[in-house]
Amino acid sequence: KLLYAIAYDKKMIKNSLFFHQEVTN
């Protein structure tokens, strides 16, 4: 089962898959 990570730290925001949608799909 895969879950999208939630960014609780501002440093992690850039790693959110929201900004990497094409690769993720």
mmCIF file of all heavy atoms, coordinates in Angstrom:
data_MODEL
# 
_entry.id   MODEL 
# 
loop_
_atom_site.group_PDB 
_atom_site.id 
_atom_site.type_symbol 
_atom_site.label_atom_id 
_atom_site.label_alt_id 
_atom_site.label_comp_id 
_atom_site.label_asym_id 
_atom_site.label_entity_id 
_atom_site.label_seq_id 
_atom_site.pdbx_PDB_ins_code 
_atom_site.Cartn_x 
_atom_site.Cartn_y 
_atom_site.Cartn_z 
_atom_site.occupancy 
_atom_site.B_iso_or_equiv 
_atom_site.pdbx_formal_charge 
_atom_site.auth_seq_id 
_atom_site.auth_comp_id 
_atom_site.auth_asym_id 
_atom_site.auth_atom_id 
_atom_site.pdbx_PDB_model_num 
ATOM 1   N N   . LYS A 1 1  ? 0.852  -1.191 0.000   1.00 0.00 ? 1  LYS A N   1 
ATOM 2   C CA  . LYS A 1 1  ? 0.000  0.000  0.000   1.00 0.00 ? 1  LYS A CA  1 
ATOM 3   C C   . LYS A 1 1  ? 0.882  1.233  0.000   1.00 0.00 ? 1  LYS A C   1 
ATOM 4   O O   . LYS A 1 1  ? 1.819  1.348  0.798   1.00 0.00 ? 1  LYS A O   1 
ATOM 5   C CB  . LYS A 1 1  ? -0.888 -0.005 1.246   1.00 0.00 ? 1  LYS A CB  1 
ATOM 6   C CG  . LYS A 1 1  ? -1.823 1.163  1.374   1.00 0.00 ? 1  LYS A CG  1 
ATOM 7   C CD  . LYS A 1 1  ? -2.690 0.964  2.602   1.00 0.00 ? 1  LYS A CD  1 
ATOM 8   C CE  . LYS A 1 1  ? -3.750 2.023  2.729   1.00 0.00 ? 1  LYS A CE  1 
ATOM 9   N NZ  . LYS A 1 1  ? -4.626 1.776  3.889   1.00 0.00 ? 1  LYS A NZ  1 
ATOM 10  N N   . LEU A 1 2  ? 0.598  2.161  -0.905  1.00 0.00 ? 2  LEU A N   1 
ATOM 11  C CA  . LEU A 1 2  ? 1.358  3.411  -0.970  1.00 0.00 ? 2  LEU A CA  1 
ATOM 12  C C   . LEU A 1 2  ? 0.518  4.574  -0.467  1.00 0.00 ? 2  LEU A C   1 
ATOM 13  O O   . LEU A 1 2  ? -0.665 4.686  -0.791  1.00 0.00 ? 2  LEU A O   1 
ATOM 14  C CB  . LEU A 1 2  ? 1.814  3.676  -2.413  1.00 0.00 ? 2  LEU A CB  1 
ATOM 15  C CG  . LEU A 1 2  ? 2.671  4.917  -2.633  1.00 0.00 ? 2  LEU A CG  1 
ATOM 16  C CD1 . LEU A 1 2  ? 3.730  4.665  -3.715  1.00 0.00 ? 2  LEU A CD1 1 
ATOM 17  C CD2 . LEU A 1 2  ? 1.837  6.152  -3.005  1.00 0.00 ? 2  LEU A CD2 1 
ATOM 18  N N   . LEU A 1 3  ? 1.155  5.435  0.313   1.00 0.00 ? 3  LEU A N   1 
ATOM 19  C CA  . LEU A 1 3  ? 0.521  6.654  0.830   1.00 0.00 ? 3  LEU A CA  1 
ATOM 20  C C   . LEU A 1 3  ? 1.360  7.856  0.423   1.00 0.00 ? 3  LEU A C   1 
ATOM 21  O O   . LEU A 1 3  ? 2.596  7.773  0.383   1.00 0.00 ? 3  LEU A O   1 
ATOM 22  C CB  . LEU A 1 3  ? 0.428  6.618  2.362   1.00 0.00 ? 3  LEU A CB  1 
ATOM 23  C CG  . LEU A 1 3  ? -0.215 5.404  3.019   1.00 0.00 ? 3  LEU A CG  1 
ATOM 24  C CD1 . LEU A 1 3  ? -0.094 5.526  4.535   1.00 0.00 ? 3  LEU A CD1 1 
ATOM 25  C CD2 . LEU A 1 3  ? -1.673 5.297  2.622   1.00 0.00 ? 3  LEU A CD2 1 
ATOM 26  N N   . TYR A 1 4  ? 0.708  8.971  0.134   1.00 0.00 ? 4  TYR A N   1 
ATOM 27  C CA  . TYR A 1 4  ? 1.446  10.205 -0.095  1.00 0.00 ? 4  TYR A CA  1 
ATOM 28  C C   . TYR A 1 4  ? 1.928  10.739 1.255   1.00 0.00 ? 4  TYR A C   1 
ATOM 29  O O   . TYR A 1 4  ? 1.171  10.809 2.225   1.00 0.00 ? 4  TYR A O   1 
ATOM 30  C CB  . TYR A 1 4  ? 0.550  11.258 -0.736  1.00 0.00 ? 4  TYR A CB  1 
ATOM 31  C CG  . TYR A 1 4  ? 0.153  10.963 -2.172  1.00 0.00 ? 4  TYR A CG  1 
ATOM 32  C CD1 . TYR A 1 4  ? -1.188 10.814 -2.525  1.00 0.00 ? 4  TYR A CD1 1 
ATOM 33  C CD2 . TYR A 1 4  ? 1.109  10.861 -3.175  1.00 0.00 ? 4  TYR A CD2 1 
ATOM 34  C CE1 . TYR A 1 4  ? -1.560 10.565 -3.838  1.00 0.00 ? 4  TYR A CE1 1 
ATOM 35  C CE2 . TYR A 1 4  ? 0.746  10.608 -4.488  1.00 0.00 ? 4  TYR A CE2 1 
ATOM 36  C CZ  . TYR A 1 4  ? -0.582 10.453 -4.816  1.00 0.00 ? 4  TYR A CZ  1 
ATOM 37  O OH  . TYR A 1 4  ? -0.945 10.205 -6.115  1.00 0.00 ? 4  TYR A OH  1 
ATOM 38  N N   . ALA A 1 5  ? 3.192  11.147 1.316   1.00 0.00 ? 5  ALA A N   1 
ATOM 39  C CA  . ALA A 1 5  ? 3.713  11.740 2.541   1.00 0.00 ? 5  ALA A CA  1 
ATOM 40  C C   . ALA A 1 5  ? 3.107  13.121 2.757   1.00 0.00 ? 5  ALA A C   1 
ATOM 41  O O   . ALA A 1 5  ? 2.853  13.863 1.802   1.00 0.00 ? 5  ALA A O   1 
ATOM 42  C CB  . ALA A 1 5  ? 5.234  11.849 2.469   1.00 0.00 ? 5  ALA A CB  1 
ATOM 43  N N   . ILE A 1 6  ? 2.885  13.458 4.018   1.00 0.00 ? 6  ILE A N   1 
ATOM 44  C CA  . ILE A 1 6  ? 2.427  14.789 4.395   1.00 0.00 ? 6  ILE A CA  1 
ATOM 45  C C   . ILE A 1 6  ? 3.633  15.566 4.922   1.00 0.00 ? 6  ILE A C   1 
ATOM 46  O O   . ILE A 1 6  ? 4.373  15.048 5.766   1.00 0.00 ? 6  ILE A O   1 
ATOM 47  C CB  . ILE A 1 6  ? 1.333  14.716 5.484   1.00 0.00 ? 6  ILE A CB  1 
ATOM 48  C CG1 . ILE A 1 6  ? 0.184  13.809 5.033   1.00 0.00 ? 6  ILE A CG1 1 
ATOM 49  C CG2 . ILE A 1 6  ? 0.830  16.108 5.823   1.00 0.00 ? 6  ILE A CG2 1 
ATOM 50  C CD1 . ILE A 1 6  ? -0.496 14.219 3.765   1.00 0.00 ? 6  ILE A CD1 1 
ATOM 51  N N   . ALA A 1 7  ? 3.843  16.757 4.443   1.00 0.00 ? 7  ALA A N   1 
ATOM 52  C CA  . ALA A 1 7  ? 4.995  17.559 4.863   1.00 0.00 ? 7  ALA A CA  1 
ATOM 53  C C   . ALA A 1 7  ? 4.657  18.336 6.132   1.00 0.00 ? 7  ALA A C   1 
ATOM 54  O O   . ALA A 1 7  ? 3.928  19.332 6.086   1.00 0.00 ? 7  ALA A O   1 
ATOM 55  C CB  . ALA A 1 7  ? 5.400  18.521 3.746   1.00 0.00 ? 7  ALA A CB  1 
ATOM 56  N N   . TYR A 1 8  ? 5.193  17.873 7.259   1.00 0.00 ? 8  TYR A N   1 
ATOM 57  C CA  . TYR A 1 8  ? 4.980  18.570 8.535   1.00 0.00 ? 8  TYR A CA  1 
ATOM 58  C C   . TYR A 1 8  ? 6.081  19.596 8.808   1.00 0.00 ? 8  TYR A C   1 
ATOM 59  O O   . TYR A 1 8  ? 5.946  20.441 9.678   1.00 0.00 ? 8  TYR A O   1 
ATOM 60  C CB  . TYR A 1 8  ? 4.910  17.562 9.687   1.00 0.00 ? 8  TYR A CB  1 
ATOM 61  C CG  . TYR A 1 8  ? 3.654  16.731 9.651   1.00 0.00 ? 8  TYR A CG  1 
ATOM 62  C CD1 . TYR A 1 8  ? 3.661  15.434 9.137   1.00 0.00 ? 8  TYR A CD1 1 
ATOM 63  C CD2 . TYR A 1 8  ? 2.440  17.249 10.092  1.00 0.00 ? 8  TYR A CD2 1 
ATOM 64  C CE1 . TYR A 1 8  ? 2.495  14.680 9.075   1.00 0.00 ? 8  TYR A CE1 1 
ATOM 65  C CE2 . TYR A 1 8  ? 1.276  16.508 10.036  1.00 0.00 ? 8  TYR A CE2 1 
ATOM 66  C CZ  . TYR A 1 8  ? 1.315  15.224 9.525   1.00 0.00 ? 8  TYR A CZ  1 
ATOM 67  O OH  . TYR A 1 8  ? 0.158  14.485 9.460   1.00 0.00 ? 8  TYR A OH  1 
ATOM 68  N N   . ASP A 1 9  ? 7.164  19.477 8.068   1.00 0.00 ? 9  ASP A N   1 
ATOM 69  C CA  . ASP A 1 9  ? 8.296  20.390 8.202   1.00 0.00 ? 9  ASP A CA  1 
ATOM 70  C C   . ASP A 1 9  ? 8.447  21.141 6.878   1.00 0.00 ? 9  ASP A C   1 
ATOM 71  O O   . ASP A 1 9  ? 8.364  20.548 5.803   1.00 0.00 ? 9  ASP A O   1 
ATOM 72  C CB  . ASP A 1 9  ? 9.565  19.581 8.497   1.00 0.00 ? 9  ASP A CB  1 
ATOM 73  C CG  . ASP A 1 9  ? 10.737 20.457 8.887   1.00 0.00 ? 9  ASP A CG  1 
ATOM 74  O OD1 . ASP A 1 9  ? 10.863 21.560 8.330   1.00 0.00 ? 9  ASP A OD1 1 
ATOM 75  O OD2 . ASP A 1 9  ? 11.549 20.019 9.732   1.00 0.00 ? 9  ASP A OD2 1 
ATOM 76  N N   . LYS A 1 10 ? 8.668  22.437 6.945   1.00 0.00 ? 10 LYS A N   1 
ATOM 77  C CA  . LYS A 1 10 ? 8.800  23.241 5.727   1.00 0.00 ? 10 LYS A CA  1 
ATOM 78  C C   . LYS A 1 10 ? 9.913  22.719 4.825   1.00 0.00 ? 10 LYS A C   1 
ATOM 79  O O   . LYS A 1 10 ? 9.850  22.848 3.602   1.00 0.00 ? 10 LYS A O   1 
ATOM 80  C CB  . LYS A 1 10 ? 9.040  24.709 6.091   1.00 0.00 ? 10 LYS A CB  1 
ATOM 81  C CG  . LYS A 1 10 ? 7.831  25.391 6.713   1.00 0.00 ? 10 LYS A CG  1 
ATOM 82  C CD  . LYS A 1 10 ? 8.111  26.857 7.007   1.00 0.00 ? 10 LYS A CD  1 
ATOM 83  C CE  . LYS A 1 10 ? 6.875  27.537 7.596   1.00 0.00 ? 10 LYS A CE  1 
ATOM 84  N NZ  . LYS A 1 10 ? 7.112  28.962 7.912   1.00 0.00 ? 10 LYS A NZ  1 
ATOM 85  N N   . LYS A 1 11 ? 10.938 22.109 5.438   1.00 0.00 ? 11 LYS A N   1 
ATOM 86  C CA  . LYS A 1 11 ? 12.059 21.581 4.653   1.00 0.00 ? 11 LYS A CA  1 
ATOM 87  C C   . LYS A 1 11 ? 11.633 20.407 3.781   1.00 0.00 ? 11 LYS A C   1 
ATOM 88  O O   . LYS A 1 11 ? 12.303 20.084 2.799   1.00 0.00 ? 11 LYS A O   1 
ATOM 89  C CB  . LYS A 1 11 ? 13.189 21.148 5.583   1.00 0.00 ? 11 LYS A CB  1 
ATOM 90  C CG  . LYS A 1 11 ? 13.860 22.292 6.320   1.00 0.00 ? 11 LYS A CG  1 
ATOM 91  C CD  . LYS A 1 11 ? 15.009 21.809 7.168   1.00 0.00 ? 11 LYS A CD  1 
ATOM 92  C CE  . LYS A 1 11 ? 14.532 20.941 8.320   1.00 0.00 ? 11 LYS A CE  1 
ATOM 93  N NZ  . LYS A 1 11 ? 15.637 20.551 9.238   1.00 0.00 ? 11 LYS A NZ  1 
ATOM 94  N N   . MET A 1 12 ? 10.520 19.764 4.132   1.00 0.00 ? 12 MET A N   1 
ATOM 95  C CA  . MET A 1 12 ? 10.066 18.584 3.400   1.00 0.00 ? 12 MET A CA  1 
ATOM 96  C C   . MET A 1 12 ? 9.079  18.916 2.279   1.00 0.00 ? 12 MET A C   1 
ATOM 97  O O   . MET A 1 12 ? 8.723  18.045 1.489   1.00 0.00 ? 12 MET A O   1 
ATOM 98  C CB  . MET A 1 12 ? 9.410  17.592 4.369   1.00 0.00 ? 12 MET A CB  1 
ATOM 99  C CG  . MET A 1 12 ? 10.370 16.934 5.351   1.00 0.00 ? 12 MET A CG  1 
ATOM 100 S SD  . MET A 1 12 ? 11.647 15.970 4.513   1.00 0.00 ? 12 MET A SD  1 
ATOM 101 C CE  . MET A 1 12 ? 10.652 14.728 3.672   1.00 0.00 ? 12 MET A CE  1 
ATOM 102 N N   . ILE A 1 13 ? 8.640  20.165 2.218   1.00 0.00 ? 13 ILE A N   1 
ATOM 103 C CA  . ILE A 1 13 ? 7.615  20.527 1.234   1.00 0.00 ? 13 ILE A CA  1 
ATOM 104 C C   . ILE A 1 13 ? 8.062  20.211 -0.186  1.00 0.00 ? 13 ILE A C   1 
ATOM 105 O O   . ILE A 1 13 ? 7.310  19.661 -0.992  1.00 0.00 ? 13 ILE A O   1 
ATOM 106 C CB  . ILE A 1 13 ? 7.239  22.023 1.363   1.00 0.00 ? 13 ILE A CB  1 
ATOM 107 C CG1 . ILE A 1 13 ? 6.526  22.276 2.696   1.00 0.00 ? 13 ILE A CG1 1 
ATOM 108 C CG2 . ILE A 1 13 ? 6.352  22.457 0.195   1.00 0.00 ? 13 ILE A CG2 1 
ATOM 109 C CD1 . ILE A 1 13 ? 6.183  23.736 2.946   1.00 0.00 ? 13 ILE A CD1 1 
ATOM 110 N N   . LYS A 1 14 ? 9.315  20.532 -0.492  1.00 0.00 ? 14 LYS A N   1 
ATOM 111 C CA  . LYS A 1 14 ? 9.815  20.321 -1.860  1.00 0.00 ? 14 LYS A CA  1 
ATOM 112 C C   . LYS A 1 14 ? 9.828  18.841 -2.241  1.00 0.00 ? 14 LYS A C   1 
ATOM 113 O O   . LYS A 1 14 ? 9.865  18.494 -3.437  1.00 0.00 ? 14 LYS A O   1 
ATOM 114 C CB  . LYS A 1 14 ? 11.215 20.899 -1.999  1.00 0.00 ? 14 LYS A CB  1 
ATOM 115 C CG  . LYS A 1 14 ? 12.284 20.220 -1.152  1.00 0.00 ? 14 LYS A CG  1 
ATOM 116 C CD  . LYS A 1 14 ? 13.638 20.873 -1.356  1.00 0.00 ? 14 LYS A CD  1 
ATOM 117 C CE  . LYS A 1 14 ? 14.741 20.173 -0.568  1.00 0.00 ? 14 LYS A CE  1 
ATOM 118 N NZ  . LYS A 1 14 ? 14.506 20.232 0.897   1.00 0.00 ? 14 LYS A NZ  1 
ATOM 119 N N   . ASN A 1 15 ? 9.805  17.947 -1.249  1.00 0.00 ? 15 ASN A N   1 
ATOM 120 C CA  . ASN A 1 15 ? 9.823  16.509 -1.527  1.00 0.00 ? 15 ASN A CA  1 
ATOM 121 C C   . ASN A 1 15 ? 8.427  15.926 -1.719  1.00 0.00 ? 15 ASN A C   1 
ATOM 122 O O   . ASN A 1 15 ? 8.286  14.745 -2.048  1.00 0.00 ? 15 ASN A O   1 
ATOM 123 C CB  . ASN A 1 15 ? 10.524 15.759 -0.379  1.00 0.00 ? 15 ASN A CB  1 
ATOM 124 C CG  . ASN A 1 15 ? 11.987 16.133 -0.266  1.00 0.00 ? 15 ASN A CG  1 
ATOM 125 O OD1 . ASN A 1 15 ? 12.686 16.246 -1.261  1.00 0.00 ? 15 ASN A OD1 1 
ATOM 126 N ND2 . ASN A 1 15 ? 12.441 16.345 0.960   1.00 0.00 ? 15 ASN A ND2 1 
ATOM 127 N N   . SER A 1 16 ? 7.400  16.745 -1.529  1.00 0.00 ? 16 SER A N   1 
ATOM 128 C CA  . SER A 1 16 ? 6.035  16.261 -1.708  1.00 0.00 ? 16 SER A CA  1 
ATOM 129 C C   . SER A 1 16 ? 5.811  15.877 -3.164  1.00 0.00 ? 16 SER A C   1 
ATOM 130 O O   . SER A 1 16 ? 6.227  16.586 -4.095  1.00 0.00 ? 16 SER A O   1 
ATOM 131 C CB  . SER A 1 16 ? 5.031  17.348 -1.314  1.00 0.00 ? 16 SER A CB  1 
ATOM 132 O OG  . SER A 1 16 ? 3.726  16.978 -1.724  1.00 0.00 ? 16 SER A OG  1 
ATOM 133 N N   . LEU A 1 17 ? 5.126  14.770 -3.370  1.00 0.00 ? 17 LEU A N   1 
ATOM 134 C CA  . LEU A 1 17 ? 4.861  14.321 -4.736  1.00 0.00 ? 17 LEU A CA  1 
ATOM 135 C C   . LEU A 1 17 ? 3.874  15.230 -5.464  1.00 0.00 ? 17 LEU A C   1 
ATOM 136 O O   . LEU A 1 17 ? 3.703  15.096 -6.678  1.00 0.00 ? 17 LEU A O   1 
ATOM 137 C CB  . LEU A 1 17 ? 4.355  12.879 -4.713  1.00 0.00 ? 17 LEU A CB  1 
ATOM 138 C CG  . LEU A 1 17 ? 5.422  11.856 -4.302  1.00 0.00 ? 17 LEU A CG  1 
ATOM 139 C CD1 . LEU A 1 17 ? 4.842  10.459 -4.273  1.00 0.00 ? 17 LEU A CD1 1 
ATOM 140 C CD2 . LEU A 1 17 ? 6.625  11.917 -5.235  1.00 0.00 ? 17 LEU A CD2 1 
ATOM 141 N N   . PHE A 1 18 ? 3.271  16.149 -4.753  1.00 0.00 ? 18 PHE A N   1 
ATOM 142 C CA  . PHE A 1 18 ? 2.411  17.135 -5.413  1.00 0.00 ? 18 PHE A CA  1 
ATOM 143 C C   . PHE A 1 18 ? 3.211  17.914 -6.458  1.00 0.00 ? 18 PHE A C   1 
ATOM 144 O O   . PHE A 1 18 ? 2.667  18.349 -7.473  1.00 0.00 ? 18 PHE A O   1 
ATOM 145 C CB  . PHE A 1 18 ? 1.812  18.093 -4.386  1.00 0.00 ? 18 PHE A CB  1 
ATOM 146 C CG  . PHE A 1 18 ? 0.895  19.116 -4.983  1.00 0.00 ? 18 PHE A CG  1 
ATOM 147 C CD1 . PHE A 1 18 ? -0.440 18.811 -5.223  1.00 0.00 ? 18 PHE A CD1 1 
ATOM 148 C CD2 . PHE A 1 18 ? 1.355  20.383 -5.329  1.00 0.00 ? 18 PHE A CD2 1 
ATOM 149 C CE1 . PHE A 1 18 ? -1.299 19.757 -5.794  1.00 0.00 ? 18 PHE A CE1 1 
ATOM 150 C CE2 . PHE A 1 18 ? 0.510  21.335 -5.904  1.00 0.00 ? 18 PHE A CE2 1 
ATOM 151 C CZ  . PHE A 1 18 ? -0.825 21.017 -6.131  1.00 0.00 ? 18 PHE A CZ  1 
ATOM 152 N N   . PHE A 1 19 ? 4.505  18.078 -6.214  1.00 0.00 ? 19 PHE A N   1 
ATOM 153 C CA  . PHE A 1 19 ? 5.371  18.816 -7.131  1.00 0.00 ? 19 PHE A CA  1 
ATOM 154 C C   . PHE A 1 19 ? 6.080  17.891 -8.129  1.00 0.00 ? 19 PHE A C   1 
ATOM 155 O O   . PHE A 1 19 ? 6.947  18.345 -8.880  1.00 0.00 ? 19 PHE A O   1 
ATOM 156 C CB  . PHE A 1 19 ? 6.402  19.616 -6.340  1.00 0.00 ? 19 PHE A CB  1 
ATOM 157 C CG  . PHE A 1 19 ? 5.788  20.596 -5.378  1.00 0.00 ? 19 PHE A CG  1 
ATOM 158 C CD1 . PHE A 1 19 ? 5.800  20.339 -4.019  1.00 0.00 ? 19 PHE A CD1 1 
ATOM 159 C CD2 . PHE A 1 19 ? 5.179  21.752 -5.833  1.00 0.00 ? 19 PHE A CD2 1 
ATOM 160 C CE1 . PHE A 1 19 ? 5.229  21.237 -3.125  1.00 0.00 ? 19 PHE A CE1 1 
ATOM 161 C CE2 . PHE A 1 19 ? 4.601  22.651 -4.955  1.00 0.00 ? 19 PHE A CE2 1 
ATOM 162 C CZ  . PHE A 1 19 ? 4.621  22.386 -3.599  1.00 0.00 ? 19 PHE A CZ  1 
ATOM 163 N N   . HIS A 1 20 ? 5.718  16.621 -8.103  1.00 0.00 ? 20 HIS A N   1 
ATOM 164 C CA  . HIS A 1 20 ? 6.348  15.636 -8.991  1.00 0.00 ? 20 HIS A CA  1 
ATOM 165 C C   . HIS A 1 20 ? 5.262  14.715 -9.548  1.00 0.00 ? 20 HIS A C   1 
ATOM 166 O O   . HIS A 1 20 ? 5.364  13.493 -9.493  1.00 0.00 ? 20 HIS A O   1 
ATOM 167 C CB  . HIS A 1 20 ? 7.406  14.827 -8.225  1.00 0.00 ? 20 HIS A CB  1 
ATOM 168 C CG  . HIS A 1 20 ? 8.434  15.682 -7.538  1.00 0.00 ? 20 HIS A CG  1 
ATOM 169 N ND1 . HIS A 1 20 ? 9.558  16.156 -8.181  1.00 0.00 ? 20 HIS A ND1 1 
ATOM 170 C CD2 . HIS A 1 20 ? 8.489  16.181 -6.279  1.00 0.00 ? 20 HIS A CD2 1 
ATOM 171 C CE1 . HIS A 1 20 ? 10.269 16.898 -7.346  1.00 0.00 ? 20 HIS A CE1 1 
ATOM 172 N NE2 . HIS A 1 20 ? 9.639  16.925 -6.185  1.00 0.00 ? 20 HIS A NE2 1 
ATOM 173 N N   . GLN A 1 21 ? 4.237  15.323 -10.075 1.00 0.00 ? 21 GLN A N   1 
ATOM 174 C CA  . GLN A 1 21 ? 3.034  14.589 -10.454 1.00 0.00 ? 21 GLN A CA  1 
ATOM 175 C C   . GLN A 1 21 ? 3.238  13.674 -11.659 1.00 0.00 ? 21 GLN A C   1 
ATOM 176 O O   . GLN A 1 21 ? 2.774  12.533 -11.671 1.00 0.00 ? 21 GLN A O   1 
ATOM 177 C CB  . GLN A 1 21 ? 1.889  15.573 -10.714 1.00 0.00 ? 21 GLN A CB  1 
ATOM 178 C CG  . GLN A 1 21 ? 1.512  16.383 -9.479  1.00 0.00 ? 21 GLN A CG  1 
ATOM 179 C CD  . GLN A 1 21 ? 0.315  17.284 -9.705  1.00 0.00 ? 21 GLN A CD  1 
ATOM 180 O OE1 . GLN A 1 21 ? -0.395 17.152 -10.700 1.00 0.00 ? 21 GLN A OE1 1 
ATOM 181 N NE2 . GLN A 1 21 ? 0.067  18.198 -8.771  1.00 0.00 ? 21 GLN A NE2 1 
ATOM 182 N N   . GLU A 1 22 ? 3.930  14.151 -12.674 1.00 0.00 ? 22 GLU A N   1 
ATOM 183 C CA  . GLU A 1 22 ? 4.117  13.340 -13.881 1.00 0.00 ? 22 GLU A CA  1 
ATOM 184 C C   . GLU A 1 22 ? 4.928  12.086 -13.571 1.00 0.00 ? 22 GLU A C   1 
ATOM 185 O O   . GLU A 1 22 ? 4.570  10.977 -13.996 1.00 0.00 ? 22 GLU A O   1 
ATOM 186 C CB  . GLU A 1 22 ? 4.816  14.165 -14.966 1.00 0.00 ? 22 GLU A CB  1 
ATOM 187 C CG  . GLU A 1 22 ? 4.921  13.436 -16.295 1.00 0.00 ? 22 GLU A CG  1 
ATOM 188 C CD  . GLU A 1 22 ? 5.514  14.306 -17.399 1.00 0.00 ? 22 GLU A CD  1 
ATOM 189 O OE1 . GLU A 1 22 ? 5.632  15.535 -17.187 1.00 0.00 ? 22 GLU A OE1 1 
ATOM 190 O OE2 . GLU A 1 22 ? 5.866  13.761 -18.457 1.00 0.00 ? 22 GLU A OE2 1 
ATOM 191 N N   . VAL A 1 23 ? 6.005  12.252 -12.821 1.00 0.00 ? 23 VAL A N   1 
ATOM 192 C CA  . VAL A 1 23 ? 6.835  11.108 -12.431 1.00 0.00 ? 23 VAL A CA  1 
ATOM 193 C C   . VAL A 1 23 ? 6.020  10.119 -11.612 1.00 0.00 ? 23 VAL A C   1 
ATOM 194 O O   . VAL A 1 23 ? 6.079  8.905  -11.822 1.00 0.00 ? 23 VAL A O   1 
ATOM 195 C CB  . VAL A 1 23 ? 8.065  11.583 -11.626 1.00 0.00 ? 23 VAL A CB  1 
ATOM 196 C CG1 . VAL A 1 23 ? 8.783  10.386 -10.999 1.00 0.00 ? 23 VAL A CG1 1 
ATOM 197 C CG2 . VAL A 1 23 ? 9.016  12.358 -12.520 1.00 0.00 ? 23 VAL A CG2 1 
ATOM 198 N N   . THR A 1 24 ? 5.240  10.645 -10.673 1.00 0.00 ? 24 THR A N   1 
ATOM 199 C CA  . THR A 1 24 ? 4.433  9.791  -9.797  1.00 0.00 ? 24 THR A CA  1 
ATOM 200 C C   . THR A 1 24 ? 3.446  8.956  -10.598 1.00 0.00 ? 24 THR A C   1 
ATOM 201 O O   . THR A 1 24 ? 3.334  7.732  -10.405 1.00 0.00 ? 24 THR A O   1 
ATOM 202 C CB  . THR A 1 24 ? 3.670  10.647 -8.773  1.00 0.00 ? 24 THR A CB  1 
ATOM 203 O OG1 . THR A 1 24 ? 4.605  11.389 -7.989  1.00 0.00 ? 24 THR A OG1 1 
ATOM 204 C CG2 . THR A 1 24 ? 2.823  9.772  -7.860  1.00 0.00 ? 24 THR A CG2 1 
ATOM 205 N N   . ASN A 1 25 ? 2.726  9.577  -11.505 1.00 0.00 ? 25 ASN A N   1 
ATOM 206 C CA  . ASN A 1 25 ? 1.746  8.847  -12.307 1.00 0.00 ? 25 ASN A CA  1 
ATOM 207 C C   . ASN A 1 25 ? 2.406  7.777  -13.165 1.00 0.00 ? 25 ASN A C   1 
ATOM 208 O O   . ASN A 1 25 ? 1.857  6.686  -13.351 1.00 0.00 ? 25 ASN A O   1 
ATOM 209 C CB  . ASN A 1 25 ? 0.950  9.818  -13.174 1.00 0.00 ? 25 ASN A CB  1 
ATOM 210 C CG  . ASN A 1 25 ? -0.032 10.656 -12.366 1.00 0.00 ? 25 ASN A CG  1 
ATOM 211 O OD1 . ASN A 1 25 ? -0.327 10.356 -11.218 1.00 0.00 ? 25 ASN A OD1 1 
ATOM 212 N ND2 . ASN A 1 25 ? -0.551 11.708 -12.979 1.00 0.00 ? 25 ASN A ND2 1 
# 
